[in-house]
Amino acid sequence: MKPRHKHLPADCRAVSEVLARVGDKWSVLVVTRLGGGPLRFNELRRSIGGISQRMLTLTLRGLERDGLITRRVFASVPPRVEYALTGLGRDLLQPVSALGDWALRNQGKIARARDQFDNVAKRPVTPPRRVSGHGGLVVTPARN
């Protein structure tokens, strides 16, 4: 059976670059916060717990570079800077919000799955034993 779509390496790189931007946690949070309307830098920073000034600056620059937000400087003393979503950014808001909603709905299930996985990983593992085989040693898993 032949694949219906042939993906070229250049396509994969392009998609990876876009997903790296829109998939990082700070970009997702900035986009969702700006979904309610324009915000100033410190308003954004206060609304996003745990983000440093430097990381917010870098995230905003990347989002602006990718055409997802605009930066508007008002001529006042001190200068006032406001950030807002572009049309492209508003278009991104729907899937990002859906992903955030999914994460909130399923965080309990994910936490339980992690606990279960971690508990299994903590069990002592019996090392494999060697038994004689046809002309050599064969490694077989030991029975617990």
N, C-alpha and C. Protein backbone atom coordinates (compact mmCIF):
# COMPACT_ATOMS: atom_id res chain seq x y z
N MET A 1 0.85 -1.18 0.00
CA MET A 1 0.00 0.00 0.00
C MET A 1 0.89 1.24 0.00
N LYS A 2 0.66 2.15 -0.94
CA LYS A 2 1.47 3.35 -1.04
C LYS A 2 0.92 4.42 -0.12
N PRO A 3 1.83 5.21 0.51
CA PRO A 3 1.34 6.30 1.33
C PRO A 3 0.66 7.36 0.47
N ARG A 4 -0.41 7.96 0.99
CA ARG A 4 -1.16 8.95 0.23
C ARG A 4 -0.41 10.27 0.16
N HIS A 5 0.31 10.61 1.21
CA HIS A 5 1.02 11.87 1.24
C HIS A 5 2.50 11.59 1.40
N LYS A 6 3.27 12.20 0.56
CA LYS A 6 4.71 12.04 0.65
C LYS A 6 5.27 13.26 1.35
N HIS A 7 5.85 13.06 2.54
CA HIS A 7 6.41 14.17 3.30
C HIS A 7 7.89 14.29 3.00
N LEU A 8 8.29 15.47 2.62
CA LEU A 8 9.68 15.73 2.33
C LEU A 8 10.39 16.16 3.61
N PRO A 9 11.68 15.90 3.72
CA PRO A 9 12.41 16.35 4.92
C PRO A 9 12.25 17.84 5.20
N ALA A 10 12.18 18.65 4.16
CA ALA A 10 12.00 20.10 4.35
C ALA A 10 10.66 20.39 5.01
N ASP A 11 9.62 19.63 4.64
CA ASP A 11 8.30 19.81 5.26
C ASP A 11 8.36 19.48 6.74
N CYS A 12 9.03 18.40 7.07
CA CYS A 12 9.15 17.98 8.47
C CYS A 12 9.89 19.04 9.29
N ARG A 13 10.95 19.59 8.72
CA ARG A 13 11.70 20.64 9.42
C ARG A 13 10.83 21.86 9.66
N ALA A 14 10.07 22.25 8.65
CA ALA A 14 9.20 23.42 8.77
C ALA A 14 8.14 23.21 9.85
N VAL A 15 7.53 22.05 9.85
CA VAL A 15 6.52 21.75 10.86
C VAL A 15 7.16 21.70 12.25
N SER A 16 8.34 21.11 12.34
CA SER A 16 9.03 21.04 13.63
C SER A 16 9.34 22.43 14.19
N GLU A 17 9.75 23.35 13.32
CA GLU A 17 10.05 24.70 13.76
C GLU A 17 8.80 25.40 14.30
N VAL A 18 7.70 25.26 13.58
CA VAL A 18 6.45 25.89 14.03
C VAL A 18 5.98 25.27 15.33
N LEU A 19 6.02 23.94 15.42
CA LEU A 19 5.57 23.28 16.65
C LEU A 19 6.47 23.60 17.83
N ALA A 20 7.75 23.80 17.59
CA ALA A 20 8.65 24.19 18.67
C ALA A 20 8.22 25.53 19.26
N ARG A 21 7.79 26.45 18.41
CA ARG A 21 7.34 27.77 18.89
C ARG A 21 6.01 27.66 19.62
N VAL A 22 5.03 27.08 18.96
CA VAL A 22 3.68 27.09 19.54
C VAL A 22 3.49 26.01 20.58
N GLY A 23 4.44 25.10 20.69
CA GLY A 23 4.30 24.01 21.65
C GLY A 23 5.02 24.22 22.95
N ASP A 24 5.86 25.26 23.05
CA ASP A 24 6.55 25.43 24.32
C ASP A 24 5.59 26.07 25.33
N LYS A 25 5.77 25.73 26.59
CA LYS A 25 4.79 26.10 27.61
C LYS A 25 4.60 27.60 27.75
N TRP A 26 5.66 28.38 27.61
CA TRP A 26 5.52 29.83 27.79
C TRP A 26 4.74 30.45 26.65
N SER A 27 4.98 30.00 25.43
CA SER A 27 4.24 30.54 24.29
C SER A 27 2.76 30.23 24.41
N VAL A 28 2.45 29.02 24.82
CA VAL A 28 1.05 28.63 24.99
C VAL A 28 0.39 29.52 26.03
N LEU A 29 1.06 29.75 27.15
CA LEU A 29 0.48 30.58 28.20
C LEU A 29 0.32 32.04 27.76
N VAL A 30 1.30 32.57 27.05
CA VAL A 30 1.20 33.96 26.56
C VAL A 30 0.03 34.08 25.58
N VAL A 31 -0.07 33.16 24.65
CA VAL A 31 -1.16 33.22 23.66
C VAL A 31 -2.51 33.14 24.36
N THR A 32 -2.66 32.24 25.31
CA THR A 32 -3.96 32.13 26.00
C THR A 32 -4.26 33.38 26.81
N ARG A 33 -3.27 33.97 27.45
CA ARG A 33 -3.50 35.20 28.23
C ARG A 33 -3.89 36.36 27.32
N LEU A 34 -3.24 36.46 26.17
CA LEU A 34 -3.56 37.54 25.23
C LEU A 34 -4.88 37.29 24.51
N GLY A 35 -5.42 36.10 24.64
CA GLY A 35 -6.73 35.80 24.04
C GLY A 35 -7.83 36.66 24.63
N GLY A 36 -7.63 37.17 25.83
CA GLY A 36 -8.62 38.05 26.45
C GLY A 36 -8.47 39.51 26.06
N GLY A 37 -7.44 39.81 25.29
CA GLY A 37 -7.23 41.19 24.86
C GLY A 37 -5.80 41.63 25.13
N PRO A 38 -5.44 42.81 24.64
CA PRO A 38 -4.07 43.30 24.80
C PRO A 38 -3.67 43.45 26.27
N LEU A 39 -2.39 43.19 26.55
CA LEU A 39 -1.85 43.33 27.90
C LEU A 39 -0.48 43.98 27.85
N ARG A 40 -0.16 44.66 28.92
CA ARG A 40 1.18 45.22 29.06
C ARG A 40 2.11 44.14 29.60
N PHE A 41 3.41 44.39 29.48
CA PHE A 41 4.42 43.41 29.86
C PHE A 41 4.21 42.92 31.30
N ASN A 42 4.12 43.86 32.25
CA ASN A 42 3.99 43.45 33.65
C ASN A 42 2.66 42.78 33.96
N GLU A 43 1.61 43.13 33.22
CA GLU A 43 0.33 42.43 33.39
C GLU A 43 0.49 40.97 32.96
N LEU A 44 1.16 40.79 31.83
CA LEU A 44 1.42 39.42 31.36
C LEU A 44 2.25 38.65 32.37
N ARG A 45 3.31 39.27 32.84
CA ARG A 45 4.22 38.60 33.77
C ARG A 45 3.50 38.19 35.05
N ARG A 46 2.66 39.07 35.58
CA ARG A 46 1.92 38.74 36.80
C ARG A 46 0.91 37.62 36.56
N SER A 47 0.34 37.58 35.35
CA SER A 47 -0.68 36.57 35.08
C SER A 47 -0.11 35.18 34.78
N ILE A 48 1.20 35.13 34.53
CA ILE A 48 1.86 33.85 34.24
C ILE A 48 2.83 33.56 35.38
N GLY A 49 2.44 32.71 36.27
CA GLY A 49 3.28 32.38 37.41
C GLY A 49 4.55 31.66 37.00
N GLY A 50 5.66 32.08 37.59
CA GLY A 50 6.91 31.36 37.41
C GLY A 50 7.75 31.77 36.21
N ILE A 51 7.30 32.70 35.40
CA ILE A 51 8.09 33.10 34.24
C ILE A 51 9.00 34.27 34.65
N SER A 52 10.24 34.19 34.25
CA SER A 52 11.19 35.28 34.55
C SER A 52 11.00 36.39 33.52
N GLN A 53 11.51 37.56 33.85
CA GLN A 53 11.44 38.69 32.94
C GLN A 53 12.15 38.37 31.63
N ARG A 54 13.30 37.75 31.74
CA ARG A 54 14.08 37.40 30.55
C ARG A 54 13.35 36.40 29.67
N MET A 55 12.76 35.38 30.28
CA MET A 55 12.05 34.36 29.51
C MET A 55 10.81 34.95 28.84
N LEU A 56 10.11 35.84 29.54
CA LEU A 56 8.95 36.47 28.94
C LEU A 56 9.38 37.34 27.76
N THR A 57 10.47 38.07 27.92
CA THR A 57 10.99 38.91 26.83
C THR A 57 11.33 38.05 25.61
N LEU A 58 12.04 36.95 25.83
CA LEU A 58 12.42 36.06 24.72
C LEU A 58 11.19 35.44 24.05
N THR A 59 10.23 35.04 24.86
CA THR A 59 9.00 34.44 24.32
C THR A 59 8.23 35.45 23.49
N LEU A 60 8.09 36.67 24.00
CA LEU A 60 7.37 37.71 23.26
C LEU A 60 8.06 38.04 21.95
N ARG A 61 9.37 38.11 21.96
CA ARG A 61 10.12 38.38 20.72
C ARG A 61 9.90 37.27 19.70
N GLY A 62 9.96 36.02 20.16
CA GLY A 62 9.74 34.89 19.24
C GLY A 62 8.34 34.89 18.66
N LEU A 63 7.35 35.17 19.49
CA LEU A 63 5.96 35.20 19.02
C LEU A 63 5.74 36.37 18.04
N GLU A 64 6.40 37.49 18.33
CA GLU A 64 6.30 38.63 17.42
C GLU A 64 6.98 38.31 16.09
N ARG A 65 8.14 37.71 16.15
CA ARG A 65 8.88 37.33 14.94
C ARG A 65 8.06 36.40 14.06
N ASP A 66 7.33 35.48 14.70
CA ASP A 66 6.53 34.50 13.96
C ASP A 66 5.18 35.05 13.52
N GLY A 67 4.91 36.33 13.83
CA GLY A 67 3.66 36.95 13.38
C GLY A 67 2.45 36.60 14.20
N LEU A 68 2.66 36.11 15.43
CA LEU A 68 1.53 35.70 16.26
C LEU A 68 1.05 36.81 17.20
N ILE A 69 1.94 37.75 17.52
CA ILE A 69 1.56 38.88 18.37
C ILE A 69 2.12 40.17 17.77
N THR A 70 1.54 41.28 18.21
CA THR A 70 2.08 42.59 17.86
C THR A 70 2.54 43.28 19.14
N ARG A 71 3.52 44.15 18.97
CA ARG A 71 4.05 44.95 20.07
C ARG A 71 3.79 46.41 19.70
N ARG A 72 3.04 47.09 20.54
CA ARG A 72 2.68 48.47 20.26
C ARG A 72 3.25 49.36 21.35
N VAL A 73 4.04 50.34 20.94
CA VAL A 73 4.66 51.27 21.88
C VAL A 73 3.89 52.59 21.84
N PHE A 74 3.46 53.05 23.01
CA PHE A 74 2.75 54.31 23.12
C PHE A 74 3.73 55.39 23.56
N ALA A 75 3.66 56.55 22.93
CA ALA A 75 4.55 57.67 23.26
C ALA A 75 4.06 58.34 24.54
N SER A 76 4.56 57.86 25.64
CA SER A 76 4.22 58.44 26.93
C SER A 76 5.46 58.36 27.81
N VAL A 77 5.40 59.01 28.95
CA VAL A 77 6.53 58.95 29.89
C VAL A 77 6.02 58.31 31.17
N PRO A 78 6.53 57.16 31.57
CA PRO A 78 7.44 56.29 30.81
C PRO A 78 6.71 55.65 29.63
N PRO A 79 7.47 55.18 28.64
CA PRO A 79 6.82 54.56 27.47
C PRO A 79 5.97 53.36 27.90
N ARG A 80 4.84 53.22 27.27
CA ARG A 80 3.93 52.11 27.57
C ARG A 80 3.95 51.16 26.38
N VAL A 81 4.13 49.88 26.65
CA VAL A 81 4.19 48.86 25.59
C VAL A 81 3.06 47.87 25.85
N GLU A 82 2.34 47.55 24.79
CA GLU A 82 1.21 46.65 24.88
C GLU A 82 1.38 45.53 23.85
N TYR A 83 0.99 44.33 24.23
CA TYR A 83 1.08 43.17 23.34
C TYR A 83 -0.33 42.65 23.05
N ALA A 84 -0.54 42.24 21.81
CA ALA A 84 -1.85 41.73 21.41
C ALA A 84 -1.66 40.62 20.37
N LEU A 85 -2.66 39.77 20.27
CA LEU A 85 -2.63 38.72 19.25
C LEU A 85 -2.92 39.32 17.88
N THR A 86 -2.26 38.80 16.87
CA THR A 86 -2.58 39.12 15.48
C THR A 86 -3.70 38.19 15.04
N GLY A 87 -4.14 38.31 13.80
CA GLY A 87 -5.13 37.38 13.27
C GLY A 87 -4.61 35.95 13.32
N LEU A 88 -3.33 35.78 12.97
CA LEU A 88 -2.72 34.45 13.02
C LEU A 88 -2.68 33.93 14.46
N GLY A 89 -2.38 34.81 15.40
CA GLY A 89 -2.36 34.43 16.81
C GLY A 89 -3.75 34.04 17.31
N ARG A 90 -4.77 34.78 16.88
CA ARG A 90 -6.15 34.43 17.26
C ARG A 90 -6.55 33.09 16.66
N ASP A 91 -6.05 32.82 15.46
CA ASP A 91 -6.33 31.53 14.82
C ASP A 91 -5.69 30.39 15.61
N LEU A 92 -4.53 30.66 16.19
CA LEU A 92 -3.84 29.66 17.01
C LEU A 92 -4.52 29.47 18.36
N LEU A 93 -5.22 30.48 18.83
CA LEU A 93 -5.84 30.43 20.16
C LEU A 93 -6.79 29.25 20.32
N GLN A 94 -7.56 28.93 19.30
CA GLN A 94 -8.52 27.82 19.42
C GLN A 94 -7.85 26.47 19.68
N PRO A 95 -6.89 26.03 18.86
CA PRO A 95 -6.28 24.73 19.16
C PRO A 95 -5.46 24.74 20.45
N VAL A 96 -4.82 25.86 20.76
CA VAL A 96 -4.04 25.94 21.99
C VAL A 96 -4.97 25.86 23.21
N SER A 97 -6.10 26.55 23.14
CA SER A 97 -7.08 26.50 24.24
C SER A 97 -7.66 25.10 24.38
N ALA A 98 -7.92 24.45 23.25
CA ALA A 98 -8.44 23.07 23.30
C ALA A 98 -7.42 22.15 23.97
N LEU A 99 -6.15 22.32 23.64
CA LEU A 99 -5.11 21.50 24.26
C LEU A 99 -5.02 21.78 25.76
N GLY A 100 -5.10 23.05 26.13
CA GLY A 100 -5.09 23.41 27.55
C GLY A 100 -6.28 22.82 28.30
N ASP A 101 -7.45 22.89 27.69
CA ASP A 101 -8.65 22.30 28.31
C ASP A 101 -8.48 20.80 28.48
N TRP A 102 -7.93 20.14 27.45
CA TRP A 102 -7.69 18.70 27.54
C TRP A 102 -6.74 18.39 28.70
N ALA A 103 -5.67 19.19 28.82
CA ALA A 103 -4.70 18.97 29.89
C ALA A 103 -5.36 19.12 31.26
N LEU A 104 -6.20 20.13 31.43
CA LEU A 104 -6.89 20.32 32.71
C LEU A 104 -7.83 19.17 33.01
N ARG A 105 -8.58 18.73 32.00
CA ARG A 105 -9.51 17.61 32.20
C ARG A 105 -8.81 16.31 32.55
N ASN A 106 -7.59 16.12 32.05
CA ASN A 106 -6.93 14.83 32.19
C ASN A 106 -5.73 14.84 33.13
N GLN A 107 -5.48 15.94 33.82
CA GLN A 107 -4.30 15.99 34.69
C GLN A 107 -4.34 14.93 35.79
N GLY A 108 -5.50 14.61 36.32
CA GLY A 108 -5.61 13.56 37.33
C GLY A 108 -5.26 12.19 36.78
N LYS A 109 -5.77 11.88 35.59
CA LYS A 109 -5.46 10.60 34.95
C LYS A 109 -3.97 10.48 34.65
N ILE A 110 -3.38 11.57 34.20
CA ILE A 110 -1.95 11.57 33.89
C ILE A 110 -1.13 11.38 35.16
N ALA A 111 -1.54 12.05 36.24
CA ALA A 111 -0.83 11.91 37.52
C ALA A 111 -0.90 10.46 38.01
N ARG A 112 -2.08 9.84 37.89
CA ARG A 112 -2.22 8.43 38.32
C ARG A 112 -1.37 7.50 37.45
N ALA A 113 -1.35 7.75 36.15
CA ALA A 113 -0.54 6.92 35.25
C ALA A 113 0.94 7.06 35.59
N ARG A 114 1.38 8.28 35.89
CA ARG A 114 2.78 8.50 36.26
C ARG A 114 3.12 7.77 37.56
N ASP A 115 2.23 7.87 38.54
CA ASP A 115 2.45 7.17 39.82
C ASP A 115 2.55 5.67 39.60
N GLN A 116 1.64 5.14 38.80
CA GLN A 116 1.65 3.70 38.52
C GLN A 116 2.94 3.30 37.82
N PHE A 117 3.35 4.07 36.84
CA PHE A 117 4.59 3.78 36.12
C PHE A 117 5.78 3.85 37.05
N ASP A 118 5.85 4.90 37.87
CA ASP A 118 6.97 5.08 38.79
C ASP A 118 7.02 3.96 39.83
N ASN A 119 5.87 3.49 40.28
CA ASN A 119 5.84 2.40 41.26
C ASN A 119 6.34 1.11 40.64
N VAL A 120 6.00 0.86 39.39
CA VAL A 120 6.50 -0.33 38.70
C VAL A 120 8.00 -0.21 38.50
N ALA A 121 8.47 0.97 38.16
CA ALA A 121 9.90 1.18 37.92
C ALA A 121 10.72 1.01 39.19
N LYS A 122 10.11 1.20 40.36
CA LYS A 122 10.83 1.08 41.63
C LYS A 122 11.01 -0.37 42.07
N ARG A 123 10.23 -1.29 41.50
CA ARG A 123 10.33 -2.69 41.90
C ARG A 123 11.72 -3.22 41.53
N PRO A 124 12.30 -4.02 42.42
CA PRO A 124 13.61 -4.57 42.08
C PRO A 124 13.50 -5.53 40.90
N VAL A 125 14.44 -5.45 40.04
CA VAL A 125 14.47 -6.30 38.86
C VAL A 125 15.52 -7.37 39.08
N THR A 126 15.12 -8.63 38.89
CA THR A 126 16.07 -9.73 39.00
C THR A 126 16.91 -9.75 37.74
N PRO A 127 18.23 -9.76 37.90
CA PRO A 127 19.07 -9.76 36.70
C PRO A 127 18.86 -11.03 35.88
N PRO A 128 19.07 -10.94 34.57
CA PRO A 128 18.91 -12.13 33.73
C PRO A 128 19.94 -13.19 34.10
N ARG A 129 19.58 -14.43 33.90
CA ARG A 129 20.53 -15.51 34.18
C ARG A 129 20.95 -16.14 32.87
N ARG A 130 22.10 -16.73 32.91
CA ARG A 130 22.64 -17.37 31.71
C ARG A 130 22.45 -18.87 31.81
N VAL A 131 22.01 -19.43 30.71
CA VAL A 131 21.87 -20.88 30.64
C VAL A 131 22.58 -21.36 29.38
N SER A 132 23.02 -22.58 29.43
CA SER A 132 23.70 -23.14 28.26
C SER A 132 22.69 -23.37 27.15
N GLY A 133 23.09 -23.02 25.96
CA GLY A 133 22.22 -23.21 24.81
C GLY A 133 22.95 -24.02 23.77
N HIS A 134 22.53 -23.93 22.59
CA HIS A 134 23.12 -24.67 21.49
C HIS A 134 24.48 -24.10 21.13
N GLY A 135 25.51 -24.62 21.72
CA GLY A 135 26.87 -24.22 21.40
C GLY A 135 27.29 -22.90 22.02
N GLY A 136 26.59 -22.37 22.96
CA GLY A 136 26.99 -21.11 23.56
C GLY A 136 26.05 -20.73 24.69
N LEU A 137 26.27 -19.56 25.20
CA LEU A 137 25.42 -19.08 26.29
C LEU A 137 24.29 -18.24 25.73
N VAL A 138 23.12 -18.45 26.29
CA VAL A 138 21.95 -17.72 25.86
C VAL A 138 21.43 -16.96 27.09
N VAL A 139 21.15 -15.67 26.93
CA VAL A 139 20.62 -14.89 28.03
C VAL A 139 19.11 -15.00 27.99
N THR A 140 18.55 -15.44 29.11
CA THR A 140 17.08 -15.50 29.22
C THR A 140 16.68 -14.73 30.46
N PRO A 141 15.52 -14.14 30.43
CA PRO A 141 15.09 -13.41 31.62
C PRO A 141 14.81 -14.38 32.76
N ALA A 142 15.17 -13.96 33.94
CA ALA A 142 14.96 -14.81 35.13
C ALA A 142 13.49 -14.75 35.51
N ARG A 143 13.01 -15.78 36.14
CA ARG A 143 11.63 -15.81 36.64
C ARG A 143 11.62 -15.24 38.03
N ASN A 144 10.65 -14.39 38.31
CA ASN A 144 10.54 -13.79 39.67
C ASN A 144 9.79 -14.70 40.60
